[in-house]
PDB file of N, CA and C in Angstrom:
ATOM      1  N   MET A   1     -10.625 -25.384  55.553  1.00  0.00           N
ATOM      2  CA  MET A   1     -10.941 -25.243  56.951  1.00  0.00           C
ATOM      3  C   MET A   1      -9.672 -24.836  57.711  1.00  0.00           C
ATOM      4  N   ALA A   2      -9.827 -23.932  58.637  1.00  0.00           N
ATOM      5  CA  ALA A   2      -8.685 -23.443  59.417  1.00  0.00           C
ATOM      6  C   ALA A   2      -8.204 -24.510  60.393  1.00  0.00           C
ATOM      7  N   THR A   3      -6.924 -24.509  60.629  1.00  0.00           N
ATOM      8  CA  THR A   3      -6.350 -25.447  61.584  1.00  0.00           C
ATOM      9  C   THR A   3      -6.591 -24.928  62.994  1.00  0.00           C
ATOM     10  N   LYS A   4      -6.987 -25.803  63.898  1.00  0.00           N
ATOM     11  CA  LYS A   4      -7.221 -25.407  65.278  1.00  0.00           C
ATOM     12  C   LYS A   4      -6.041 -25.820  66.135  1.00  0.00           C
ATOM     13  N   CYS A   5      -5.641 -24.929  66.995  1.00  0.00           N
ATOM     14  CA  CYS A   5      -4.556 -25.201  67.938  1.00  0.00           C
ATOM     15  C   CYS A   5      -5.185 -25.471  69.309  1.00  0.00           C
ATOM     16  N   LYS A   6      -4.836 -26.561  69.902  1.00  0.00           N
ATOM     17  CA  LYS A   6      -5.392 -26.891  71.212  1.00  0.00           C
ATOM     18  C   LYS A   6      -4.502 -26.404  72.342  1.00  0.00           C
ATOM     19  N   GLY A   7      -3.440 -25.688  71.997  1.00  0.00           N
ATOM     20  CA  GLY A   7      -2.539 -25.179  73.018  1.00  0.00           C
ATOM     21  C   GLY A   7      -3.122 -23.977  73.736  1.00  0.00           C
ATOM     22  N   LYS A   8      -2.621 -23.703  74.896  1.00  0.00           N
ATOM     23  CA  LYS A   8      -3.064 -22.559  75.684  1.00  0.00           C
ATOM     24  C   LYS A   8      -2.455 -21.285  75.093  1.00  0.00           C
ATOM     25  N   THR A   9      -3.268 -20.260  74.969  1.00  0.00           N
ATOM     26  CA  THR A   9      -2.784 -18.990  74.443  1.00  0.00           C
ATOM     27  C   THR A   9      -2.761 -17.944  75.548  1.00  0.00           C
ATOM     28  N   GLU A  10      -1.958 -16.932  75.359  1.00  0.00           N
ATOM     29  CA  GLU A  10      -1.876 -15.856  76.333  1.00  0.00           C
ATOM     30  C   GLU A  10      -2.411 -14.591  75.684  1.00  0.00           C
ATOM     31  N   VAL A  11      -3.381 -13.959  76.311  1.00  0.00           N
ATOM     32  CA  VAL A  11      -4.018 -12.762  75.784  1.00  0.00           C
ATOM     33  C   VAL A  11      -3.441 -11.548  76.492  1.00  0.00           C
ATOM     34  N   TYR A  12      -3.007 -10.560  75.706  1.00  0.00           N
ATOM     35  CA  TYR A  12      -2.502  -9.314  76.267  1.00  0.00           C
ATOM     36  C   TYR A  12      -3.512  -8.216  76.004  1.00  0.00           C
ATOM     37  N   SER A  13      -3.648  -7.311  76.943  1.00  0.00           N
ATOM     38  CA  SER A  13      -4.485  -6.138  76.757  1.00  0.00           C
ATOM     39  C   SER A  13      -3.868  -4.997  77.555  1.00  0.00           C
ATOM     40  N   ARG A  14      -4.355  -3.807  77.309  1.00  0.00           N
ATOM     41  CA  ARG A  14      -3.773  -2.636  77.951  1.00  0.00           C
ATOM     42  C   ARG A  14      -4.569  -2.271  79.186  1.00  0.00           C
ATOM     43  N   VAL A  15      -3.876  -2.063  80.270  1.00  0.00           N
ATOM     44  CA  VAL A  15      -4.486  -1.570  81.504  1.00  0.00           C
ATOM     45  C   VAL A  15      -3.515  -0.565  82.104  1.00  0.00           C
ATOM     46  N   CYS A  16      -4.007   0.580  82.456  1.00  0.00           N
ATOM     47  CA  CYS A  16      -3.181   1.653  83.036  1.00  0.00           C
ATOM     48  C   CYS A  16      -2.002   2.005  82.134  1.00  0.00           C
ATOM     49  N   GLY A  17      -2.201   1.951  80.815  1.00  0.00           N
ATOM     50  CA  GLY A  17      -1.170   2.372  79.874  1.00  0.00           C
ATOM     51  C   GLY A  17      -0.133   1.329  79.528  1.00  0.00           C
ATOM     52  N   PHE A  18      -0.198   0.143  80.101  1.00  0.00           N
ATOM     53  CA  PHE A  18       0.782  -0.896  79.840  1.00  0.00           C
ATOM     54  C   PHE A  18       0.093  -2.149  79.324  1.00  0.00           C
ATOM     55  N   PHE A  19       0.724  -2.831  78.371  1.00  0.00           N
ATOM     56  CA  PHE A  19       0.200  -4.109  77.896  1.00  0.00           C
ATOM     57  C   PHE A  19       0.673  -5.201  78.835  1.00  0.00           C
ATOM     58  N   ARG A  20      -0.285  -5.940  79.372  1.00  0.00           N
ATOM     59  CA  ARG A  20       0.004  -7.009  80.342  1.00  0.00           C
ATOM     60  C   ARG A  20      -0.809  -8.245  79.999  1.00  0.00           C
ATOM     61  N   PRO A  21      -0.297  -9.424  80.333  1.00  0.00           N
ATOM     62  CA  PRO A  21      -1.114 -10.626  80.140  1.00  0.00           C
ATOM     63  C   PRO A  21      -2.357 -10.560  81.037  1.00  0.00           C
ATOM     64  N   VAL A  22      -3.516 -10.791  80.449  1.00  0.00           N
ATOM     65  CA  VAL A  22      -4.780 -10.716  81.193  1.00  0.00           C
ATOM     66  C   VAL A  22      -4.763 -11.693  82.365  1.00  0.00           C
ATOM     67  N   GLN A  23      -4.117 -12.829  82.190  1.00  0.00           N
ATOM     68  CA  GLN A  23      -4.059 -13.844  83.243  1.00  0.00           C
ATOM     69  C   GLN A  23      -3.403 -13.301  84.523  1.00  0.00           C
ATOM     70  N   GLN A  24      -2.558 -12.286  84.407  1.00  0.00           N
ATOM     71  CA  GLN A  24      -1.876 -11.729  85.578  1.00  0.00           C
ATOM     72  C   GLN A  24      -2.678 -10.627  86.270  1.00  0.00           C
ATOM     73  N   TRP A  25      -3.801 -10.225  85.681  1.00  0.00           N
ATOM     74  CA  TRP A  25      -4.623  -9.188  86.291  1.00  0.00           C
ATOM     75  C   TRP A  25      -5.364  -9.745  87.497  1.00  0.00           C
ATOM     76  N   ASN A  26      -5.791  -8.822  88.377  1.00  0.00           N
ATOM     77  CA  ASN A  26      -6.611  -9.276  89.508  1.00  0.00           C
ATOM     78  C   ASN A  26      -8.003  -9.662  89.001  1.00  0.00           C
ATOM     79  N   LYS A  27      -8.763 -10.356  89.825  1.00  0.00           N
ATOM     80  CA  LYS A  27     -10.071 -10.890  89.407  1.00  0.00           C
ATOM     81  C   LYS A  27     -11.029  -9.793  88.935  1.00  0.00           C
ATOM     82  N   GLY A  28     -10.993  -8.636  89.582  1.00  0.00           N
ATOM     83  CA  GLY A  28     -11.877  -7.535  89.190  1.00  0.00           C
ATOM     84  C   GLY A  28     -11.587  -7.046  87.788  1.00  0.00           C
ATOM     85  N   LYS A  29     -10.312  -6.855  87.460  1.00  0.00           N
ATOM     86  CA  LYS A  29      -9.931  -6.410  86.120  1.00  0.00           C
ATOM     87  C   LYS A  29     -10.249  -7.482  85.078  1.00  0.00           C
ATOM     88  N   GLN A  30     -10.089  -8.764  85.430  1.00  0.00           N
ATOM     89  CA  GLN A  30     -10.413  -9.837  84.499  1.00  0.00           C
ATOM     90  C   GLN A  30     -11.905  -9.831  84.169  1.00  0.00           C
ATOM     91  N   GLU A  31     -12.755  -9.566  85.157  1.00  0.00           N
ATOM     92  CA  GLU A  31     -14.196  -9.496  84.912  1.00  0.00           C
ATOM     93  C   GLU A  31     -14.531  -8.294  84.028  1.00  0.00           C
ATOM     94  N   GLU A  32     -13.867  -7.153  84.265  1.00  0.00           N
ATOM     95  CA  GLU A  32     -14.083  -5.980  83.406  1.00  0.00           C
ATOM     96  C   GLU A  32     -13.696  -6.306  81.967  1.00  0.00           C
ATOM     97  N   PHE A  33     -12.604  -7.031  81.780  1.00  0.00           N
ATOM     98  CA  PHE A  33     -12.140  -7.399  80.446  1.00  0.00           C
ATOM     99  C   PHE A  33     -13.191  -8.230  79.715  1.00  0.00           C
ATOM    100  N   LYS A  34     -13.840  -9.158  80.417  1.00  0.00           N
ATOM    101  CA  LYS A  34     -14.861 -10.007  79.806  1.00  0.00           C
ATOM    102  C   LYS A  34     -16.049  -9.189  79.307  1.00  0.00           C
ATOM    103  N   GLU A  35     -16.303  -8.043  79.935  1.00  0.00           N
ATOM    104  CA  GLU A  35     -17.453  -7.209  79.576  1.00  0.00           C
ATOM    105  C   GLU A  35     -17.144  -6.206  78.467  1.00  0.00           C
ATOM    106  N   ARG A  36     -15.885  -6.096  78.067  1.00  0.00           N
ATOM    107  CA  ARG A  36     -15.509  -5.129  77.032  1.00  0.00           C
ATOM    108  C   ARG A  36     -16.106  -5.493  75.684  1.00  0.00           C
ATOM    109  N   CYS A  37     -16.387  -4.467  74.888  1.00  0.00           N
ATOM    110  CA  CYS A  37     -16.891  -4.640  73.527  1.00  0.00           C
ATOM    111  C   CYS A  37     -15.825  -4.141  72.559  1.00  0.00           C
ATOM    112  N   GLU A  38     -15.673  -4.825  71.448  1.00  0.00           N
ATOM    113  CA  GLU A  38     -14.767  -4.356  70.403  1.00  0.00           C
ATOM    114  C   GLU A  38     -15.581  -3.615  69.365  1.00  0.00           C
ATOM    115  N   PHE A  39     -15.015  -2.553  68.818  1.00  0.00           N
ATOM    116  CA  PHE A  39     -15.665  -1.825  67.747  1.00  0.00           C
ATOM    117  C   PHE A  39     -14.592  -1.233  66.855  1.00  0.00           C
ATOM    118  N   SER A  40     -14.984  -0.871  65.658  1.00  0.00           N
ATOM    119  CA  SER A  40     -14.048  -0.230  64.741  1.00  0.00           C
ATOM    120  C   SER A  40     -14.652   1.092  64.292  1.00  0.00           C
ATOM    121  N   VAL A  41     -13.789   2.038  64.034  1.00  0.00           N
ATOM    122  CA  VAL A  41     -14.210   3.361  63.594  1.00  0.00           C
ATOM    123  C   VAL A  41     -13.850   3.488  62.125  1.00  0.00           C
ATOM    124  N   ASP A  42     -14.801   3.897  61.330  1.00  0.00           N
ATOM    125  CA  ASP A  42     -14.559   4.089  59.907  1.00  0.00           C
ATOM    126  C   ASP A  42     -13.574   5.248  59.736  1.00  0.00           C
ATOM    127  N   GLN A  43     -12.545   5.041  58.939  1.00  0.00           N
ATOM    128  CA  GLN A  43     -11.502   6.046  58.730  1.00  0.00           C
ATOM    129  C   GLN A  43     -12.093   7.371  58.248  1.00  0.00           C
ATOM    130  N   ARG A  44     -13.178   7.320  57.483  1.00  0.00           N
ATOM    131  CA  ARG A  44     -13.787   8.554  56.974  1.00  0.00           C
ATOM    132  C   ARG A  44     -14.260   9.464  58.101  1.00  0.00           C
ATOM    133  N   HIS A  45     -14.682   8.886  59.215  1.00  0.00           N
ATOM    134  CA  HIS A  45     -15.163   9.684  60.342  1.00  0.00           C
ATOM    135  C   HIS A  45     -14.006  10.397  61.033  1.00  0.00           C
ATOM    136  N   LEU A  46     -12.810   9.860  60.949  1.00  0.00           N
ATOM    137  CA  LEU A  46     -11.660  10.488  61.586  1.00  0.00           C
ATOM    138  C   LEU A  46     -11.152  11.679  60.795  1.00  0.00           C
ATOM    139  N   GLU A  47     -11.429  11.711  59.507  1.00  0.00           N
ATOM    140  CA  GLU A  47     -10.919  12.779  58.648  1.00  0.00           C
ATOM    141  C   GLU A  47     -11.810  14.000  58.635  1.00  0.00           C
ATOM    142  N   GLU A  48     -13.010  13.896  59.181  1.00  0.00           N
ATOM    143  CA  GLU A  48     -13.955  15.013  59.160  1.00  0.00           C
ATOM    144  C   GLU A  48     -13.592  16.079  60.151  1.00  0.00           C
TER     145      GLU A  48
END
Protein backbone atom coordinates (compact mmCIF):
# COMPACT_ATOMS: atom_id res chain seq x y z
CA MET A 1 0.00 0.00 0.00
CA ALA A 2 1.28 3.46 -0.87
CA THR A 3 2.21 5.84 1.90
CA LYS A 4 -0.08 8.85 2.21
CA CYS A 5 1.26 12.29 2.99
CA LYS A 6 -1.08 14.55 4.91
CA GLY A 7 1.00 17.62 4.16
CA LYS A 8 -0.18 20.41 1.91
CA THR A 9 1.09 20.19 -1.65
CA GLU A 10 1.59 22.93 -4.19
CA VAL A 11 0.34 22.33 -7.73
CA TYR A 12 2.00 24.10 -10.65
CA SER A 13 0.48 24.51 -14.08
CA ARG A 14 1.14 26.63 -17.12
CA VAL A 15 -0.81 29.80 -17.78
CA CYS A 16 0.21 32.39 -20.37
CA GLY A 17 3.42 30.45 -21.09
CA PHE A 18 4.72 30.42 -17.51
CA PHE A 19 4.52 27.73 -14.83
CA ARG A 20 2.93 29.22 -11.71
CA PRO A 21 1.48 27.81 -8.51
CA VAL A 22 -2.27 27.37 -9.08
CA GLN A 23 -2.91 28.79 -5.60
CA GLN A 24 -1.59 32.18 -6.81
CA TRP A 25 -3.99 32.36 -9.77
CA ASN A 26 -7.11 34.50 -9.65
CA LYS A 27 -10.42 32.75 -8.88
CA GLY A 28 -11.47 32.63 -12.54
CA LYS A 29 -8.30 30.85 -13.65
CA GLN A 30 -8.57 28.44 -10.69
CA GLU A 31 -12.10 27.48 -11.79
CA GLU A 32 -10.87 26.95 -15.38
CA PHE A 33 -8.11 24.69 -14.02
CA LYS A 34 -10.68 22.52 -12.20
CA GLU A 35 -12.51 21.97 -15.50
CA ARG A 36 -9.42 20.86 -17.45
CA CYS A 37 -9.16 17.30 -18.74
CA GLU A 38 -5.93 15.34 -19.01
CA PHE A 39 -5.28 13.18 -22.04
CA SER A 40 -2.36 11.44 -23.66
CA VAL A 41 -1.52 11.14 -27.32
CA ASP A 42 -0.22 7.85 -28.64
CA GLN A 43 3.30 8.37 -30.03
CA ARG A 44 2.32 6.50 -33.21
CA HIS A 45 -0.13 9.27 -34.11
CA LEU A 46 2.63 11.88 -33.92
CA GLU A 47 4.83 10.02 -36.40
CA GLU A 48 2.21 9.84 -39.15
